[in-house]
Amino acid sequence: MAEISVLTVAPKKNEPPFPPFVHIYLSSHLVDKGGRNLMSPELMTDMEVDETIDYLIKQLEKARKKAKSELMKAKQKR
């Protein structure tokens, strides 16, 4: 199952200043034989589809909250 994470990029000590920013990325996923990044295992029922989509939505909402929080913290350090 796909996992969604947040990466914060901000100036470090002795680096020139720049506006901090975040990336939202897939930190875990499956890859099929064709090289496609899969966000779920094989889904065979409506219930599996619903549960997987609900899970991904929750992952995105967590990422949204974390991204905003991390961005605010990084901007305050400037």
N, C-alpha and C. Protein backbone atom coordinates (compact mmCIF):
# COMPACT_ATOMS: atom_id res chain seq x y z
N MET A 1 0.84 -1.18 0.00
CA MET A 1 0.00 0.00 0.00
C MET A 1 0.89 1.24 0.00
N ALA A 2 0.47 2.24 -0.70
CA ALA A 2 1.24 3.48 -0.80
C ALA A 2 1.23 4.23 0.52
N GLU A 3 2.33 4.86 0.81
CA GLU A 3 2.46 5.75 1.96
C GLU A 3 2.85 7.12 1.43
N ILE A 4 2.24 8.14 1.97
CA ILE A 4 2.49 9.51 1.52
C ILE A 4 3.19 10.26 2.64
N SER A 5 4.26 10.97 2.31
CA SER A 5 5.06 11.68 3.31
C SER A 5 5.33 13.11 2.86
N VAL A 6 5.92 13.86 3.77
CA VAL A 6 6.26 15.27 3.52
C VAL A 6 7.75 15.45 3.72
N LEU A 7 8.37 16.16 2.80
CA LEU A 7 9.79 16.50 2.89
C LEU A 7 9.89 18.02 2.96
N THR A 8 10.51 18.52 4.02
CA THR A 8 10.69 19.96 4.19
C THR A 8 12.09 20.34 3.74
N VAL A 9 12.18 21.38 2.93
CA VAL A 9 13.47 21.89 2.45
C VAL A 9 13.59 23.33 2.92
N ALA A 10 14.60 23.59 3.72
CA ALA A 10 14.83 24.93 4.25
C ALA A 10 16.34 25.14 4.35
N PRO A 11 16.77 26.41 4.36
CA PRO A 11 18.20 26.66 4.46
C PRO A 11 18.78 26.09 5.75
N LYS A 12 19.95 25.52 5.61
CA LYS A 12 20.68 25.01 6.76
C LYS A 12 21.74 26.03 7.15
N LYS A 13 22.37 25.77 8.27
CA LYS A 13 23.44 26.66 8.74
C LYS A 13 24.48 26.82 7.64
N ASN A 14 24.96 28.03 7.45
CA ASN A 14 26.00 28.37 6.48
C ASN A 14 25.54 28.21 5.03
N GLU A 15 24.25 28.13 4.78
CA GLU A 15 23.73 28.11 3.41
C GLU A 15 23.10 29.47 3.12
N PRO A 16 23.12 29.88 1.86
CA PRO A 16 22.43 31.13 1.53
C PRO A 16 20.94 31.00 1.83
N PRO A 17 20.32 32.09 2.25
CA PRO A 17 18.89 32.03 2.56
C PRO A 17 18.05 31.80 1.29
N PHE A 18 16.97 31.08 1.45
CA PHE A 18 15.97 30.89 0.39
C PHE A 18 14.65 30.56 1.06
N PRO A 19 13.55 30.79 0.38
CA PRO A 19 12.26 30.50 1.00
C PRO A 19 12.09 29.00 1.21
N PRO A 20 11.73 28.57 2.41
CA PRO A 20 11.51 27.15 2.65
C PRO A 20 10.31 26.65 1.85
N PHE A 21 10.32 25.36 1.55
CA PHE A 21 9.20 24.75 0.83
C PHE A 21 9.09 23.29 1.23
N VAL A 22 8.00 22.68 0.84
CA VAL A 22 7.78 21.26 1.14
C VAL A 22 7.49 20.51 -0.15
N HIS A 23 7.79 19.22 -0.13
CA HIS A 23 7.40 18.29 -1.18
C HIS A 23 6.48 17.26 -0.54
N ILE A 24 5.46 16.84 -1.25
CA ILE A 24 4.64 15.71 -0.84
C ILE A 24 4.99 14.59 -1.80
N TYR A 25 5.36 13.43 -1.24
CA TYR A 25 5.86 12.35 -2.09
C TYR A 25 5.37 10.99 -1.62
N LEU A 26 5.44 10.02 -2.52
CA LEU A 26 5.14 8.64 -2.17
C LEU A 26 6.38 8.05 -1.52
N SER A 27 6.29 7.78 -0.23
CA SER A 27 7.45 7.23 0.48
C SER A 27 7.48 5.70 0.41
N SER A 28 6.36 5.13 0.01
CA SER A 28 6.28 3.68 -0.15
C SER A 28 5.23 3.36 -1.21
N HIS A 29 5.56 2.47 -2.10
CA HIS A 29 4.61 2.05 -3.14
C HIS A 29 5.10 0.76 -3.78
N LEU A 30 4.24 0.16 -4.56
CA LEU A 30 4.58 -1.05 -5.30
C LEU A 30 4.93 -0.68 -6.73
N VAL A 31 5.74 -1.48 -7.38
CA VAL A 31 6.08 -1.28 -8.79
C VAL A 31 5.76 -2.58 -9.52
N ASP A 32 5.00 -2.47 -10.62
CA ASP A 32 4.67 -3.69 -11.37
C ASP A 32 5.74 -4.00 -12.41
N LYS A 33 5.54 -5.09 -13.14
CA LYS A 33 6.52 -5.52 -14.14
C LYS A 33 6.74 -4.49 -15.24
N GLY A 34 5.74 -3.66 -15.48
CA GLY A 34 5.85 -2.61 -16.50
C GLY A 34 6.49 -1.34 -15.99
N GLY A 35 6.91 -1.33 -14.72
CA GLY A 35 7.55 -0.16 -14.15
C GLY A 35 6.58 0.89 -13.63
N ARG A 36 5.28 0.57 -13.60
CA ARG A 36 4.29 1.53 -13.09
C ARG A 36 4.31 1.54 -11.57
N ASN A 37 4.22 2.74 -11.01
CA ASN A 37 4.13 2.90 -9.56
C ASN A 37 2.69 2.65 -9.14
N LEU A 38 2.47 1.62 -8.35
CA LEU A 38 1.13 1.24 -7.92
C LEU A 38 0.87 1.77 -6.52
N MET A 39 -0.32 2.29 -6.31
CA MET A 39 -0.66 2.85 -5.01
C MET A 39 -1.50 1.88 -4.18
N SER A 40 -1.77 0.69 -4.72
CA SER A 40 -2.56 -0.30 -3.98
C SER A 40 -2.18 -1.70 -4.44
N PRO A 41 -2.56 -2.67 -3.64
CA PRO A 41 -2.44 -4.05 -4.11
C PRO A 41 -3.60 -4.31 -5.09
N GLU A 42 -3.76 -5.53 -5.52
CA GLU A 42 -4.87 -5.88 -6.41
C GLU A 42 -6.19 -5.72 -5.65
N LEU A 43 -7.12 -4.98 -6.23
CA LEU A 43 -8.42 -4.73 -5.61
C LEU A 43 -9.47 -5.48 -6.40
N MET A 44 -10.22 -6.36 -5.72
CA MET A 44 -11.15 -7.24 -6.43
C MET A 44 -12.62 -7.02 -6.07
N THR A 45 -12.86 -6.18 -5.07
CA THR A 45 -14.25 -5.93 -4.67
C THR A 45 -14.48 -4.44 -4.50
N ASP A 46 -15.74 -4.04 -4.53
CA ASP A 46 -16.08 -2.64 -4.28
C ASP A 46 -15.58 -2.21 -2.90
N MET A 47 -15.70 -3.09 -1.94
CA MET A 47 -15.27 -2.78 -0.57
C MET A 47 -13.76 -2.52 -0.51
N GLU A 48 -12.98 -3.33 -1.22
CA GLU A 48 -11.53 -3.12 -1.24
C GLU A 48 -11.18 -1.79 -1.89
N VAL A 49 -11.90 -1.45 -2.96
CA VAL A 49 -11.67 -0.16 -3.62
C VAL A 49 -11.99 0.97 -2.65
N ASP A 50 -13.14 0.91 -2.01
CA ASP A 50 -13.54 1.96 -1.06
C ASP A 50 -12.54 2.09 0.09
N GLU A 51 -12.15 0.97 0.67
CA GLU A 51 -11.21 1.02 1.79
C GLU A 51 -9.86 1.60 1.38
N THR A 52 -9.41 1.24 0.19
CA THR A 52 -8.11 1.74 -0.29
C THR A 52 -8.18 3.24 -0.57
N ILE A 53 -9.23 3.67 -1.23
CA ILE A 53 -9.38 5.11 -1.52
C ILE A 53 -9.51 5.89 -0.21
N ASP A 54 -10.30 5.37 0.73
CA ASP A 54 -10.43 6.04 2.03
C ASP A 54 -9.07 6.15 2.72
N TYR A 55 -8.29 5.09 2.66
CA TYR A 55 -6.96 5.09 3.27
C TYR A 55 -6.07 6.15 2.61
N LEU A 56 -6.09 6.20 1.30
CA LEU A 56 -5.26 7.18 0.58
C LEU A 56 -5.69 8.61 0.89
N ILE A 57 -6.99 8.83 0.99
CA ILE A 57 -7.49 10.16 1.34
C ILE A 57 -6.99 10.54 2.74
N LYS A 58 -7.04 9.60 3.68
CA LYS A 58 -6.54 9.88 5.03
C LYS A 58 -5.05 10.20 5.00
N GLN A 59 -4.30 9.46 4.19
CA GLN A 59 -2.87 9.73 4.05
C GLN A 59 -2.64 11.14 3.52
N LEU A 60 -3.41 11.54 2.51
CA LEU A 60 -3.27 12.89 1.95
C LEU A 60 -3.66 13.96 2.96
N GLU A 61 -4.70 13.73 3.72
CA GLU A 61 -5.11 14.72 4.73
C GLU A 61 -4.03 14.87 5.80
N LYS A 62 -3.42 13.76 6.21
CA LYS A 62 -2.31 13.83 7.17
C LYS A 62 -1.15 14.62 6.56
N ALA A 63 -0.86 14.35 5.30
CA ALA A 63 0.24 15.05 4.62
C ALA A 63 -0.06 16.54 4.52
N ARG A 64 -1.32 16.89 4.23
CA ARG A 64 -1.69 18.30 4.15
C ARG A 64 -1.41 19.00 5.48
N LYS A 65 -1.86 18.38 6.58
CA LYS A 65 -1.68 18.96 7.91
C LYS A 65 -0.20 19.08 8.26
N LYS A 66 0.55 18.02 8.00
CA LYS A 66 1.98 18.04 8.32
C LYS A 66 2.72 19.06 7.45
N ALA A 67 2.39 19.12 6.17
CA ALA A 67 3.07 20.06 5.26
C ALA A 67 2.86 21.50 5.72
N LYS A 68 1.64 21.84 6.08
CA LYS A 68 1.36 23.20 6.54
C LYS A 68 2.11 23.51 7.84
N SER A 69 2.11 22.54 8.74
CA SER A 69 2.81 22.72 10.01
C SER A 69 4.31 22.88 9.80
N GLU A 70 4.89 22.00 9.00
CA GLU A 70 6.34 22.06 8.72
C GLU A 70 6.71 23.35 8.02
N LEU A 71 5.88 23.78 7.09
CA LEU A 71 6.16 25.02 6.37
C LEU A 71 6.12 26.22 7.31
N MET A 72 5.14 26.24 8.20
CA MET A 72 5.04 27.33 9.16
C MET A 72 6.27 27.35 10.08
N LYS A 73 6.68 26.18 10.57
CA LYS A 73 7.87 26.11 11.43
C LYS A 73 9.11 26.59 10.69
N ALA A 74 9.27 26.14 9.46
CA ALA A 74 10.46 26.51 8.68
C ALA A 74 10.49 28.02 8.41
N LYS A 75 9.33 28.60 8.15
CA LYS A 75 9.28 30.05 7.89
C LYS A 75 9.58 30.86 9.14
N GLN A 76 9.20 30.34 10.31
CA GLN A 76 9.46 31.05 11.57
C GLN A 76 10.93 31.06 11.91
N LYS A 77 11.67 30.07 11.45
CA LYS A 77 13.11 29.99 11.74
C LYS A 77 13.92 30.99 10.92
N ARG A 78 13.35 31.54 9.89
CA ARG A 78 14.09 32.44 9.00
C ARG A 78 14.49 33.71 9.66
